[in-house]
Every structure is written in structure tokens, then in C-alpha cells.
Amino acid sequence: MQKNHWGFLSGILGSVAYFQLSESTVPKDSNCSYLAPVSTDVLAVIAGSVLAYRGHVNNDPFVSFVGGCVIGIHAQQWMSHKSKEDAG
């Protein structure tokens, strides 16, 4: 496995750990950190994908890590909060 793949995987896993930790410290009825529109998450995932791709092309694990973090955080944010708003 190339270094950039390890960077991307570490970014995803790091974002999961960060998101779970931050979710455990926010009161359940609080919604203050998720006021941004869904378009913010979509643009962030696109930007994270660009970073992950550039990290892959240049075999740069640090750029891949940042791309994985951005994708992971915004995907979890959307799945945990925004998708529930859309359904309700």
C-alpha cells in the first residue's frame, strides 16, 4: 500500500474518532455546530476529494490525510444531522 493510501485511511479514521469525541461532549439538544447549509458539506466533500486525489497523484500522505479528514468530518456531519433534518 502506498504512503498516500495510509494517509487517506488515517484521515478517515482520525475524523471518525474526532467526530465521535466531539459528539459526546455536545448536549443532545444543541444544534449550534450544524447551522451551515447542506451545500457547505457538499463543497467540503468536493474539496476533500480534490485534496485526496492530489495526494494520490503526488504520493503525498499529508495531503491525502487532510483530504480524508475533510471528507470524513463532513460526511459524518451530514449523515448524523442533515439527513435527519431532510427526513423530518
N, C-alpha and C. Protein backbone atom coordinates (compact mmCIF):
# COMPACT_ATOMS: atom_id res chain seq x y z
N MET A 1 0.85 -1.17 0.00
CA MET A 1 0.00 0.00 0.00
C MET A 1 0.90 1.24 0.00
N GLN A 2 0.56 2.20 -0.84
CA GLN A 2 1.36 3.42 -0.95
C GLN A 2 1.15 4.30 0.28
N LYS A 3 2.12 5.19 0.53
CA LYS A 3 2.04 6.09 1.68
C LYS A 3 0.79 6.96 1.64
N ASN A 4 0.41 7.40 0.44
CA ASN A 4 -0.76 8.27 0.36
C ASN A 4 -2.04 7.53 0.75
N HIS A 5 -2.09 6.22 0.50
CA HIS A 5 -3.26 5.44 0.92
C HIS A 5 -3.34 5.37 2.44
N TRP A 6 -2.18 5.20 3.08
CA TRP A 6 -2.14 5.19 4.54
C TRP A 6 -2.56 6.56 5.08
N GLY A 7 -2.14 7.61 4.42
CA GLY A 7 -2.52 8.96 4.83
C GLY A 7 -4.02 9.17 4.75
N PHE A 8 -4.61 8.73 3.64
CA PHE A 8 -6.06 8.89 3.46
C PHE A 8 -6.81 8.07 4.50
N LEU A 9 -6.43 6.83 4.70
CA LEU A 9 -7.08 5.96 5.67
C LEU A 9 -6.95 6.53 7.08
N SER A 10 -5.77 7.05 7.41
CA SER A 10 -5.56 7.67 8.72
C SER A 10 -6.45 8.90 8.88
N GLY A 11 -6.63 9.67 7.81
CA GLY A 11 -7.50 10.84 7.86
C GLY A 11 -8.94 10.46 8.13
N ILE A 12 -9.42 9.42 7.45
CA ILE A 12 -10.80 8.96 7.66
C ILE A 12 -10.96 8.47 9.10
N LEU A 13 -10.04 7.62 9.55
CA LEU A 13 -10.14 7.09 10.92
C LEU A 13 -10.00 8.19 11.96
N GLY A 14 -9.10 9.15 11.71
CA GLY A 14 -8.96 10.27 12.62
C GLY A 14 -10.21 11.12 12.69
N SER A 15 -10.86 11.31 11.55
CA SER A 15 -12.08 12.11 11.54
C SER A 15 -13.21 11.40 12.27
N VAL A 16 -13.27 10.08 12.17
CA VAL A 16 -14.29 9.32 12.90
C VAL A 16 -14.06 9.48 14.41
N ALA A 17 -12.82 9.30 14.85
CA ALA A 17 -12.51 9.45 16.27
C ALA A 17 -12.82 10.87 16.75
N TYR A 18 -12.41 11.87 15.98
CA TYR A 18 -12.67 13.26 16.35
C TYR A 18 -14.16 13.54 16.43
N PHE A 19 -14.91 13.09 15.44
CA PHE A 19 -16.34 13.36 15.40
C PHE A 19 -17.05 12.70 16.58
N GLN A 20 -16.71 11.44 16.86
CA GLN A 20 -17.34 10.74 17.98
C GLN A 20 -17.01 11.42 19.30
N LEU A 21 -15.78 11.84 19.47
CA LEU A 21 -15.38 12.54 20.69
C LEU A 21 -16.12 13.87 20.82
N SER A 22 -16.18 14.61 19.75
CA SER A 22 -16.85 15.92 19.82
C SER A 22 -18.36 15.75 20.01
N GLU A 23 -18.95 14.73 19.43
CA GLU A 23 -20.38 14.48 19.61
C GLU A 23 -20.69 14.11 21.06
N SER A 24 -19.79 13.44 21.72
CA SER A 24 -20.04 13.03 23.10
C SER A 24 -19.99 14.20 24.08
N THR A 25 -19.41 15.32 23.67
CA THR A 25 -19.29 16.48 24.56
C THR A 25 -20.33 17.56 24.29
N VAL A 26 -21.11 17.43 23.22
CA VAL A 26 -22.12 18.43 22.88
C VAL A 26 -23.46 17.95 23.44
N PRO A 27 -24.21 18.83 24.14
CA PRO A 27 -25.53 18.43 24.64
C PRO A 27 -26.44 17.96 23.50
N LYS A 28 -27.24 16.95 23.78
CA LYS A 28 -28.09 16.33 22.74
C LYS A 28 -29.03 17.33 22.08
N ASP A 29 -29.55 18.32 22.81
CA ASP A 29 -30.50 19.27 22.23
C ASP A 29 -29.81 20.44 21.54
N SER A 30 -28.49 20.46 21.55
CA SER A 30 -27.74 21.54 20.91
C SER A 30 -27.58 21.26 19.42
N ASN A 31 -27.75 22.28 18.61
CA ASN A 31 -27.59 22.14 17.16
C ASN A 31 -26.69 23.25 16.63
N CYS A 32 -25.97 23.90 17.51
CA CYS A 32 -25.24 25.11 17.13
C CYS A 32 -24.12 24.87 16.11
N SER A 33 -23.51 23.69 16.11
CA SER A 33 -22.39 23.49 15.20
C SER A 33 -22.82 22.96 13.84
N TYR A 34 -24.13 22.85 13.62
CA TYR A 34 -24.60 22.29 12.35
C TYR A 34 -25.57 23.24 11.66
N LEU A 35 -25.33 24.54 11.82
CA LEU A 35 -26.23 25.52 11.22
C LEU A 35 -25.93 25.79 9.76
N ALA A 36 -24.77 25.40 9.28
CA ALA A 36 -24.40 25.65 7.88
C ALA A 36 -25.32 24.85 6.96
N PRO A 37 -25.61 25.37 5.80
CA PRO A 37 -26.47 24.64 4.86
C PRO A 37 -25.77 23.39 4.32
N VAL A 38 -26.56 22.49 3.75
CA VAL A 38 -26.03 21.24 3.19
C VAL A 38 -24.99 21.53 2.12
N SER A 39 -25.15 22.63 1.39
CA SER A 39 -24.19 22.95 0.33
C SER A 39 -22.77 23.10 0.88
N THR A 40 -22.63 23.52 2.14
CA THR A 40 -21.30 23.60 2.75
C THR A 40 -20.66 22.22 2.83
N ASP A 41 -21.43 21.22 3.23
CA ASP A 41 -20.91 19.86 3.32
C ASP A 41 -20.58 19.31 1.94
N VAL A 42 -21.42 19.61 0.97
CA VAL A 42 -21.17 19.13 -0.40
C VAL A 42 -19.87 19.74 -0.94
N LEU A 43 -19.71 21.04 -0.78
CA LEU A 43 -18.49 21.70 -1.25
C LEU A 43 -17.26 21.20 -0.50
N ALA A 44 -17.40 20.94 0.79
CA ALA A 44 -16.28 20.43 1.56
C ALA A 44 -15.88 19.03 1.10
N VAL A 45 -16.85 18.18 0.80
CA VAL A 45 -16.53 16.83 0.31
C VAL A 45 -15.86 16.92 -1.06
N ILE A 46 -16.31 17.83 -1.90
CA ILE A 46 -15.66 18.02 -3.21
C ILE A 46 -14.21 18.48 -3.00
N ALA A 47 -14.01 19.46 -2.12
CA ALA A 47 -12.65 19.95 -1.85
C ALA A 47 -11.79 18.85 -1.23
N GLY A 48 -12.34 18.08 -0.32
CA GLY A 48 -11.60 16.97 0.27
C GLY A 48 -11.23 15.92 -0.76
N SER A 49 -12.14 15.69 -1.71
CA SER A 49 -11.85 14.74 -2.79
C SER A 49 -10.72 15.23 -3.68
N VAL A 50 -10.70 16.53 -3.95
CA VAL A 50 -9.61 17.11 -4.74
C VAL A 50 -8.29 16.93 -4.00
N LEU A 51 -8.29 17.20 -2.71
CA LEU A 51 -7.07 17.01 -1.92
C LEU A 51 -6.63 15.55 -1.91
N ALA A 52 -7.57 14.65 -1.71
CA ALA A 52 -7.24 13.22 -1.71
C ALA A 52 -6.68 12.80 -3.07
N TYR A 53 -7.26 13.30 -4.14
CA TYR A 53 -6.77 12.98 -5.48
C TYR A 53 -5.36 13.52 -5.69
N ARG A 54 -5.15 14.78 -5.30
CA ARG A 54 -3.81 15.38 -5.45
C ARG A 54 -2.78 14.63 -4.60
N GLY A 55 -3.19 14.19 -3.41
CA GLY A 55 -2.30 13.39 -2.59
C GLY A 55 -1.96 12.07 -3.24
N HIS A 56 -2.95 11.48 -3.94
CA HIS A 56 -2.73 10.22 -4.65
C HIS A 56 -1.77 10.42 -5.83
N VAL A 57 -2.04 11.43 -6.62
CA VAL A 57 -1.23 11.70 -7.81
C VAL A 57 0.22 11.99 -7.42
N ASN A 58 0.40 12.77 -6.35
CA ASN A 58 1.75 13.18 -5.94
C ASN A 58 2.35 12.26 -4.87
N ASN A 59 1.64 11.21 -4.53
CA ASN A 59 2.06 10.27 -3.48
C ASN A 59 2.46 11.03 -2.21
N ASP A 60 1.57 11.95 -1.80
CA ASP A 60 1.80 12.79 -0.63
C ASP A 60 0.84 12.39 0.49
N PRO A 61 1.32 11.68 1.51
CA PRO A 61 0.42 11.20 2.55
C PRO A 61 -0.20 12.33 3.38
N PHE A 62 0.45 13.47 3.48
CA PHE A 62 -0.07 14.57 4.28
C PHE A 62 -1.28 15.21 3.61
N VAL A 63 -1.20 15.43 2.31
CA VAL A 63 -2.33 15.98 1.56
C VAL A 63 -3.48 14.97 1.56
N SER A 64 -3.17 13.70 1.40
CA SER A 64 -4.20 12.66 1.45
C SER A 64 -4.87 12.61 2.82
N PHE A 65 -4.08 12.79 3.88
CA PHE A 65 -4.62 12.80 5.24
C PHE A 65 -5.63 13.93 5.42
N VAL A 66 -5.26 15.13 4.98
CA VAL A 66 -6.16 16.28 5.12
C VAL A 66 -7.43 16.05 4.30
N GLY A 67 -7.29 15.54 3.08
CA GLY A 67 -8.47 15.23 2.26
C GLY A 67 -9.38 14.23 2.93
N GLY A 68 -8.78 13.17 3.51
CA GLY A 68 -9.58 12.17 4.21
C GLY A 68 -10.30 12.74 5.42
N CYS A 69 -9.62 13.62 6.16
CA CYS A 69 -10.25 14.27 7.32
C CYS A 69 -11.44 15.13 6.91
N VAL A 70 -11.26 15.93 5.88
CA VAL A 70 -12.34 16.82 5.42
C VAL A 70 -13.54 15.99 4.95
N ILE A 71 -13.28 14.97 4.14
CA ILE A 71 -14.36 14.11 3.66
C ILE A 71 -15.05 13.43 4.83
N GLY A 72 -14.28 12.86 5.74
CA GLY A 72 -14.85 12.13 6.86
C GLY A 72 -15.70 12.99 7.78
N ILE A 73 -15.20 14.15 8.15
CA ILE A 73 -15.94 15.03 9.06
C ILE A 73 -17.26 15.48 8.42
N HIS A 74 -17.20 15.94 7.20
CA HIS A 74 -18.42 16.48 6.59
C HIS A 74 -19.42 15.38 6.21
N ALA A 75 -18.93 14.21 5.86
CA ALA A 75 -19.85 13.10 5.58
C ALA A 75 -20.55 12.67 6.86
N GLN A 76 -19.83 12.60 7.96
CA GLN A 76 -20.46 12.23 9.24
C GLN A 76 -21.43 13.30 9.71
N GLN A 77 -21.05 14.55 9.53
CA GLN A 77 -21.93 15.65 9.92
C GLN A 77 -23.23 15.57 9.15
N TRP A 78 -23.15 15.32 7.86
CA TRP A 78 -24.36 15.22 7.05
C TRP A 78 -25.18 14.01 7.46
N MET A 79 -24.53 12.87 7.63
CA MET A 79 -25.27 11.64 7.99
C MET A 79 -25.90 11.74 9.37
N SER A 80 -25.23 12.39 10.31
CA SER A 80 -25.74 12.45 11.68
C SER A 80 -26.80 13.52 11.90
N HIS A 81 -26.73 14.60 11.15
CA HIS A 81 -27.62 15.72 11.43
C HIS A 81 -28.45 16.18 10.24
N LYS A 82 -27.83 16.39 9.12
CA LYS A 82 -28.56 16.96 8.00
C LYS A 82 -29.54 15.98 7.38
N SER A 83 -29.18 14.69 7.32
CA SER A 83 -30.09 13.71 6.71
C SER A 83 -31.34 13.55 7.56
N LYS A 84 -31.22 13.73 8.89
CA LYS A 84 -32.38 13.65 9.78
C LYS A 84 -33.29 14.86 9.58
N GLU A 85 -32.69 16.03 9.32
CA GLU A 85 -33.49 17.22 9.04
C GLU A 85 -34.26 17.07 7.74
N ASP A 86 -33.62 16.47 6.72
CA ASP A 86 -34.28 16.28 5.43
C ASP A 86 -35.44 15.32 5.55
N ALA A 87 -35.30 14.28 6.38
CA ALA A 87 -36.33 13.27 6.51
C ALA A 87 -37.49 13.76 7.36
N GLY A 88 -37.22 14.69 8.29
CA GLY A 88 -38.24 15.11 9.25
C GLY A 88 -38.89 16.33 8.81
